[in-house]
N, C-alpha and C. Protein backbone atom coordinates (compact mmCIF):
# COMPACT_ATOMS: atom_id res chain seq x y z
N MET A 1 -4.57 -1.80 -17.53
CA MET A 1 -3.39 -2.05 -16.74
C MET A 1 -3.21 -3.46 -16.37
N VAL A 2 -4.20 -4.48 -16.74
CA VAL A 2 -3.81 -5.68 -16.50
C VAL A 2 -2.67 -5.94 -17.59
N GLY A 3 -1.65 -6.54 -17.07
CA GLY A 3 -0.40 -6.81 -18.10
C GLY A 3 0.69 -5.63 -17.79
N ASP A 4 0.19 -4.67 -17.23
CA ASP A 4 1.19 -3.48 -17.00
C ASP A 4 1.34 -3.53 -15.42
N VAL A 5 0.24 -2.93 -14.81
CA VAL A 5 0.26 -2.72 -13.02
C VAL A 5 0.17 -3.76 -12.48
N PHE A 6 -1.05 -4.67 -12.83
CA PHE A 6 -1.54 -5.67 -11.97
C PHE A 6 -1.03 -7.11 -12.52
N ASP A 7 0.26 -7.22 -12.85
CA ASP A 7 0.86 -8.26 -13.24
C ASP A 7 1.65 -8.95 -12.25
N GLY A 8 1.68 -8.70 -11.29
CA GLY A 8 2.57 -9.31 -10.09
C GLY A 8 2.18 -10.90 -9.71
N PRO A 9 3.02 -11.50 -8.88
CA PRO A 9 2.58 -12.75 -8.44
C PRO A 9 1.52 -12.91 -7.61
N GLU A 10 1.01 -11.89 -7.06
CA GLU A 10 -0.12 -11.89 -5.89
C GLU A 10 -1.53 -11.71 -6.72
N PRO A 11 -2.65 -12.14 -6.27
CA PRO A 11 -3.91 -12.20 -6.55
C PRO A 11 -4.19 -10.72 -7.26
N ILE A 12 -4.81 -10.54 -8.30
CA ILE A 12 -5.06 -9.15 -8.87
C ILE A 12 -5.91 -8.32 -7.70
N TYR A 13 -6.82 -8.99 -6.98
CA TYR A 13 -7.31 -8.27 -6.11
C TYR A 13 -6.65 -7.55 -4.95
N GLN A 14 -5.45 -8.08 -4.50
CA GLN A 14 -4.50 -7.73 -3.62
C GLN A 14 -3.68 -6.73 -4.22
N GLN A 15 -3.56 -6.83 -5.49
CA GLN A 15 -2.63 -5.81 -6.14
C GLN A 15 -3.45 -4.42 -6.25
N ILE A 16 -4.69 -4.54 -6.56
CA ILE A 16 -5.39 -3.48 -6.64
C ILE A 16 -5.64 -2.84 -5.24
N ALA A 17 -5.82 -3.55 -4.26
CA ALA A 17 -5.81 -3.12 -2.92
C ALA A 17 -4.52 -2.25 -2.54
N GLN A 18 -3.54 -2.84 -2.83
CA GLN A 18 -2.13 -2.05 -2.61
C GLN A 18 -2.07 -1.01 -3.24
N HIS A 19 -2.40 -0.85 -4.54
CA HIS A 19 -2.53 0.38 -5.49
C HIS A 19 -3.14 1.37 -4.82
N ILE A 20 -4.31 0.97 -4.25
CA ILE A 20 -5.22 2.09 -3.64
C ILE A 20 -4.61 2.63 -2.23
N ARG A 21 -4.03 1.70 -1.55
CA ARG A 21 -3.41 1.96 -0.51
C ARG A 21 -2.26 2.89 -0.63
N ARG A 22 -1.59 2.51 -1.73
CA ARG A 22 -0.24 3.60 -1.99
C ARG A 22 -1.01 4.95 -2.38
N GLN A 23 -2.04 4.96 -3.11
CA GLN A 23 -2.63 6.25 -3.38
C GLN A 23 -2.82 6.97 -2.26
N VAL A 24 -3.66 6.45 -1.29
CA VAL A 24 -3.99 6.99 0.04
C VAL A 24 -2.61 7.52 0.71
N LEU A 25 -1.79 6.60 0.81
CA LEU A 25 -0.50 7.06 1.57
C LEU A 25 0.17 8.43 0.77
N ALA A 26 0.24 8.24 -0.43
CA ALA A 26 0.82 9.31 -1.17
C ALA A 26 0.11 10.67 -1.09
N GLY A 27 -1.16 10.73 -0.79
CA GLY A 27 -2.02 11.70 -0.74
C GLY A 27 -2.74 11.96 -2.11
N ASP A 28 -2.73 11.05 -2.91
CA ASP A 28 -3.19 11.16 -4.15
C ASP A 28 -4.75 10.98 -3.91
N LEU A 29 -5.21 10.22 -3.05
CA LEU A 29 -6.60 9.98 -2.59
C LEU A 29 -6.66 10.56 -1.22
N ARG A 30 -7.52 11.56 -0.94
CA ARG A 30 -7.48 12.18 0.40
C ARG A 30 -8.57 11.70 1.17
N GLU A 31 -8.61 11.75 2.50
CA GLU A 31 -9.70 11.35 3.42
C GLU A 31 -10.79 12.17 3.21
N GLY A 32 -12.17 11.44 2.92
CA GLY A 32 -13.26 11.92 2.41
C GLY A 32 -13.63 12.02 0.90
N GLU A 33 -12.54 11.75 0.34
CA GLU A 33 -12.57 11.94 -1.20
C GLU A 33 -13.34 10.65 -1.80
N GLN A 34 -14.02 10.77 -2.74
CA GLN A 34 -14.87 9.51 -3.55
C GLN A 34 -13.80 8.98 -4.22
N VAL A 35 -13.75 7.73 -4.19
CA VAL A 35 -12.94 6.94 -5.09
C VAL A 35 -13.77 6.28 -6.29
N MET A 36 -13.23 5.79 -7.38
CA MET A 36 -13.70 5.38 -8.65
C MET A 36 -14.71 4.45 -7.96
N SER A 37 -16.04 4.04 -8.73
CA SER A 37 -16.63 2.98 -8.32
C SER A 37 -16.09 1.60 -8.84
N THR A 38 -16.60 0.61 -8.36
CA THR A 38 -16.08 -0.85 -8.76
C THR A 38 -16.14 -1.08 -10.36
N THR A 39 -17.31 -0.67 -10.74
CA THR A 39 -17.59 -0.64 -12.31
C THR A 39 -16.73 0.17 -12.90
N GLN A 40 -16.39 1.37 -12.58
CA GLN A 40 -15.57 2.18 -13.28
C GLN A 40 -14.22 1.69 -13.35
N PHE A 41 -13.71 1.25 -12.16
CA PHE A 41 -12.45 0.69 -11.96
C PHE A 41 -12.31 -0.71 -12.87
N SER A 42 -13.24 -1.37 -12.70
CA SER A 42 -13.09 -2.61 -13.63
C SER A 42 -13.05 -2.26 -15.19
N THR A 43 -13.86 -1.33 -15.52
CA THR A 43 -14.03 -0.86 -17.06
C THR A 43 -12.65 -0.25 -17.34
N THR A 44 -12.01 0.69 -16.53
CA THR A 44 -10.75 1.28 -16.69
C THR A 44 -9.72 0.40 -16.87
N TYR A 45 -9.58 -0.55 -15.87
CA TYR A 45 -8.27 -1.38 -15.78
C TYR A 45 -8.87 -2.69 -16.55
N ARG A 46 -9.64 -2.98 -17.17
CA ARG A 46 -10.29 -4.17 -17.88
C ARG A 46 -10.01 -5.42 -17.01
N ILE A 47 -10.60 -5.36 -15.86
CA ILE A 47 -10.62 -6.38 -14.84
C ILE A 47 -12.04 -6.72 -14.60
N ASN A 48 -12.22 -7.89 -14.03
CA ASN A 48 -13.44 -8.62 -13.73
C ASN A 48 -14.16 -7.68 -12.58
N PRO A 49 -15.32 -7.25 -12.83
CA PRO A 49 -16.08 -6.46 -11.69
C PRO A 49 -15.89 -7.09 -10.23
N ALA A 50 -16.02 -8.53 -10.34
CA ALA A 50 -15.92 -9.08 -8.96
C ALA A 50 -14.60 -9.03 -8.28
N THR A 51 -13.55 -8.97 -9.04
CA THR A 51 -12.19 -8.68 -8.76
C THR A 51 -12.13 -7.62 -8.09
N ALA A 52 -12.66 -6.31 -8.77
CA ALA A 52 -12.52 -4.93 -8.19
C ALA A 52 -13.39 -4.93 -6.91
N GLN A 53 -14.57 -5.50 -6.84
CA GLN A 53 -15.38 -5.62 -5.62
C GLN A 53 -14.58 -6.30 -4.47
N LYS A 54 -13.74 -7.34 -4.66
CA LYS A 54 -13.21 -7.90 -3.67
C LYS A 54 -12.12 -7.06 -3.08
N ALA A 55 -11.47 -6.33 -3.89
CA ALA A 55 -10.31 -5.29 -3.48
C ALA A 55 -11.18 -4.29 -2.72
N PHE A 56 -12.12 -3.80 -3.17
CA PHE A 56 -12.58 -2.76 -2.51
C PHE A 56 -13.22 -3.17 -1.10
N GLY A 57 -13.80 -4.19 -0.94
CA GLY A 57 -14.27 -5.04 0.25
C GLY A 57 -13.24 -5.20 1.28
N LEU A 58 -12.20 -5.42 0.88
CA LEU A 58 -11.07 -5.81 1.64
C LEU A 58 -10.68 -4.36 2.24
N LEU A 59 -10.49 -3.34 1.42
CA LEU A 59 -10.21 -2.13 1.72
C LEU A 59 -11.32 -1.46 2.87
N VAL A 60 -12.54 -1.85 2.81
CA VAL A 60 -13.46 -1.42 3.60
C VAL A 60 -13.29 -1.99 4.93
N ASP A 61 -13.03 -3.54 4.91
CA ASP A 61 -12.84 -4.09 6.13
C ASP A 61 -11.59 -3.70 6.85
N GLU A 62 -10.68 -3.16 6.12
CA GLU A 62 -9.43 -2.56 6.88
C GLU A 62 -9.79 -1.07 7.24
N GLY A 63 -10.76 -0.49 7.02
CA GLY A 63 -11.00 0.83 7.46
C GLY A 63 -10.42 1.90 6.49
N VAL A 64 -9.96 1.64 5.38
CA VAL A 64 -9.31 2.31 4.49
C VAL A 64 -10.62 3.30 3.66
N LEU A 65 -11.44 2.38 3.20
CA LEU A 65 -12.61 2.90 2.44
C LEU A 65 -13.76 2.85 3.34
N TYR A 66 -14.92 3.67 2.94
CA TYR A 66 -16.12 3.34 3.52
C TYR A 66 -17.34 3.50 2.24
N LYS A 67 -18.24 2.88 2.58
CA LYS A 67 -19.38 2.76 1.40
C LYS A 67 -20.62 3.74 1.93
N GLN A 68 -20.83 4.61 1.04
CA GLN A 68 -22.11 5.37 1.64
C GLN A 68 -23.29 5.00 0.44
N ARG A 69 -24.05 4.10 0.91
CA ARG A 69 -25.20 3.58 0.18
C ARG A 69 -25.95 4.65 -0.73
N GLY A 70 -25.78 4.24 -2.04
CA GLY A 70 -26.52 4.97 -3.19
C GLY A 70 -25.59 6.09 -3.59
N VAL A 71 -24.48 6.17 -2.89
CA VAL A 71 -23.48 7.40 -3.51
C VAL A 71 -22.38 7.02 -3.93
N GLY A 72 -21.41 5.90 -3.12
CA GLY A 72 -20.21 5.32 -3.68
C GLY A 72 -19.42 5.27 -2.48
N MET A 73 -18.05 4.89 -2.96
CA MET A 73 -17.22 4.62 -1.85
C MET A 73 -16.18 5.82 -1.57
N PHE A 74 -15.67 5.96 -0.50
CA PHE A 74 -14.86 7.30 0.10
C PHE A 74 -13.76 6.69 0.80
N VAL A 75 -12.67 7.48 0.94
CA VAL A 75 -11.47 7.30 1.62
C VAL A 75 -11.87 7.56 3.13
N ALA A 76 -11.92 6.86 4.00
CA ALA A 76 -12.26 6.75 5.36
C ALA A 76 -11.11 7.84 6.09
N ASP A 77 -11.91 8.63 7.21
CA ASP A 77 -11.27 9.48 7.99
C ASP A 77 -10.19 8.63 8.72
N GLY A 78 -9.08 9.16 8.68
CA GLY A 78 -7.84 8.48 9.66
C GLY A 78 -7.28 7.32 8.65
N ALA A 79 -7.82 7.08 7.52
CA ALA A 79 -7.29 6.00 6.69
C ALA A 79 -5.68 6.05 6.37
N GLN A 80 -5.12 7.24 6.12
CA GLN A 80 -3.74 7.46 5.92
C GLN A 80 -2.73 7.05 7.12
N ASP A 81 -3.42 7.52 8.37
CA ASP A 81 -2.62 7.15 9.60
C ASP A 81 -2.63 5.69 9.78
N ARG A 82 -3.99 5.30 9.71
CA ARG A 82 -3.96 3.48 9.80
C ARG A 82 -2.90 2.96 8.95
N LEU A 83 -2.82 3.31 7.67
CA LEU A 83 -2.14 2.65 6.75
C LEU A 83 -0.55 2.79 7.10
N ARG A 84 -0.27 4.08 7.46
CA ARG A 84 1.09 4.55 7.96
C ARG A 84 1.43 3.35 9.12
N GLY A 85 0.76 3.23 10.15
CA GLY A 85 0.79 2.46 11.32
C GLY A 85 1.11 1.05 10.97
N SER A 86 0.21 0.44 10.07
CA SER A 86 0.21 -1.01 9.71
C SER A 86 1.35 -1.09 8.81
N GLY A 87 1.71 -0.09 7.99
CA GLY A 87 2.76 -0.38 7.08
C GLY A 87 4.08 -0.28 7.75
N ARG A 88 4.32 0.50 8.80
CA ARG A 88 5.37 0.65 9.45
C ARG A 88 5.81 -0.91 10.29
N ALA A 89 4.58 -1.17 10.77
CA ALA A 89 5.02 -2.67 11.62
C ALA A 89 5.11 -3.67 10.42
N ALA A 90 4.65 -3.71 9.40
CA ALA A 90 5.08 -4.81 8.40
C ALA A 90 6.44 -4.52 7.74
N PHE A 91 6.61 -3.30 7.78
CA PHE A 91 8.21 -3.07 7.16
C PHE A 91 9.30 -3.63 8.10
N PHE A 92 9.01 -3.18 9.42
CA PHE A 92 10.01 -3.85 10.39
C PHE A 92 10.03 -5.45 10.49
N ALA A 93 8.87 -5.93 10.66
CA ALA A 93 8.83 -7.39 10.61
C ALA A 93 9.07 -8.20 9.24
N GLU A 94 8.60 -7.82 8.22
CA GLU A 94 8.94 -8.42 6.86
C GLU A 94 10.24 -7.84 6.06
N LYS A 95 10.69 -6.64 6.35
CA LYS A 95 11.77 -6.27 5.59
C LYS A 95 12.93 -5.96 6.31
N LEU A 96 12.88 -5.21 7.47
CA LEU A 96 13.93 -4.71 8.19
C LEU A 96 14.66 -5.75 9.12
N ASP A 97 13.71 -6.68 9.73
CA ASP A 97 14.25 -7.80 10.62
C ASP A 97 14.95 -8.64 10.04
N PRO A 98 14.67 -9.10 8.85
CA PRO A 98 15.55 -10.09 8.02
C PRO A 98 16.78 -9.52 7.52
N ILE A 99 16.77 -8.11 7.27
CA ILE A 99 17.99 -7.50 7.06
C ILE A 99 19.08 -7.54 8.08
N LEU A 100 18.55 -7.11 9.26
CA LEU A 100 19.39 -7.25 10.57
C LEU A 100 19.90 -8.34 10.88
N ASP A 101 19.04 -9.37 10.52
CA ASP A 101 19.54 -10.74 10.99
C ASP A 101 20.62 -11.20 9.93
N GLU A 102 20.56 -10.83 8.77
CA GLU A 102 21.43 -11.14 7.74
C GLU A 102 22.81 -10.28 7.88
N ALA A 103 22.51 -9.03 8.27
CA ALA A 103 23.83 -8.13 8.87
C ALA A 103 24.51 -8.85 10.00
N ALA A 104 23.76 -9.34 11.03
CA ALA A 104 24.36 -10.07 12.07
C ALA A 104 25.24 -11.48 11.49
N TYR A 105 24.73 -12.13 10.84
CA TYR A 105 25.23 -13.28 10.13
C TYR A 105 26.75 -12.77 9.35
N LEU A 106 26.58 -11.67 8.82
CA LEU A 106 27.73 -11.20 7.98
C LEU A 106 28.87 -10.47 8.98
N GLY A 107 28.32 -10.29 10.36
CA GLY A 107 29.23 -9.57 11.22
C GLY A 107 29.20 -8.02 10.97
N ILE A 108 28.16 -7.46 10.27
CA ILE A 108 27.80 -5.98 10.14
C ILE A 108 27.39 -5.53 11.43
N ASP A 109 28.11 -4.69 12.14
CA ASP A 109 27.65 -4.01 13.26
C ASP A 109 26.72 -2.75 13.22
N THR A 110 25.96 -2.31 14.26
CA THR A 110 25.04 -1.22 14.18
C THR A 110 25.65 0.12 13.66
N GLU A 111 26.90 0.16 14.06
CA GLU A 111 27.58 1.50 13.66
C GLU A 111 27.68 1.56 12.15
N ALA A 112 28.22 0.33 11.46
CA ALA A 112 28.25 0.28 10.01
C ALA A 112 26.82 0.46 9.34
N LEU A 113 25.88 -0.16 9.83
CA LEU A 113 24.54 -0.07 9.35
C LEU A 113 24.05 1.53 9.30
N LEU A 114 24.26 2.05 10.58
CA LEU A 114 23.92 3.46 10.54
C LEU A 114 24.66 4.42 9.68
N ALA A 115 25.80 4.23 9.42
CA ALA A 115 26.57 4.92 8.53
C ALA A 115 26.10 4.89 7.15
N HIS A 116 25.83 3.71 6.69
CA HIS A 116 25.36 3.41 5.37
C HIS A 116 24.05 3.87 5.26
N ILE A 117 23.06 3.69 6.15
CA ILE A 117 21.59 4.39 6.13
C ILE A 117 21.85 6.14 5.99
N THR A 118 22.86 6.54 6.90
CA THR A 118 22.98 8.00 6.95
C THR A 118 23.51 8.31 5.48
N ALA A 119 24.46 7.76 4.93
CA ALA A 119 25.17 8.01 3.77
C ALA A 119 24.01 7.94 2.61
N ARG A 120 23.11 7.04 2.64
CA ARG A 120 22.16 6.66 1.80
C ARG A 120 21.03 7.81 1.67
N THR A 121 20.57 8.28 2.90
CA THR A 121 19.68 9.20 2.97
C THR A 121 20.00 10.38 2.56
N ASN A 122 21.31 10.86 2.85
CA ASN A 122 22.05 12.14 2.65
C ASN A 122 22.21 12.06 1.18
N ARG A 123 22.44 11.15 0.47
CA ARG A 123 22.65 11.15 -1.16
C ARG A 123 21.33 11.49 -1.73
N GLU A 124 20.24 10.87 -1.21
CA GLU A 124 18.86 10.98 -1.65
C GLU A 124 18.31 12.32 -1.55
N ALA A 125 18.67 12.90 -0.37
CA ALA A 125 18.19 14.27 -0.38
C ALA A 125 18.76 15.35 -1.00
N SER A 126 20.11 15.11 -1.56
CA SER A 126 20.81 15.98 -2.45
C SER A 126 20.12 16.18 -3.90
């Protein structure tokens, strides 16, 4: 996957952590489910084991994964809710607020924004 999935500008360990976060958010990895070991992960995706370990350690620190000594890593209880909460906060701060600022500069009012959002979500729901 290096060269395919983990080829973004961010450090590979951050890309790996984000990949696992997205799997948890999508329900592909469920709470209490064992995840691939760092050794398996590094072999499967052809990355340095220390890089995989750094990504998994970050997720443990965030409360997304927990380590059960001698058994492996598991998705923590409440991980999906925690990720949704932190993801929403980051979305508003990093994505939506700059868009709203730009809309204000362009003279786009709230009504026009809401109409566009409604039309877009209705189109995607069809």
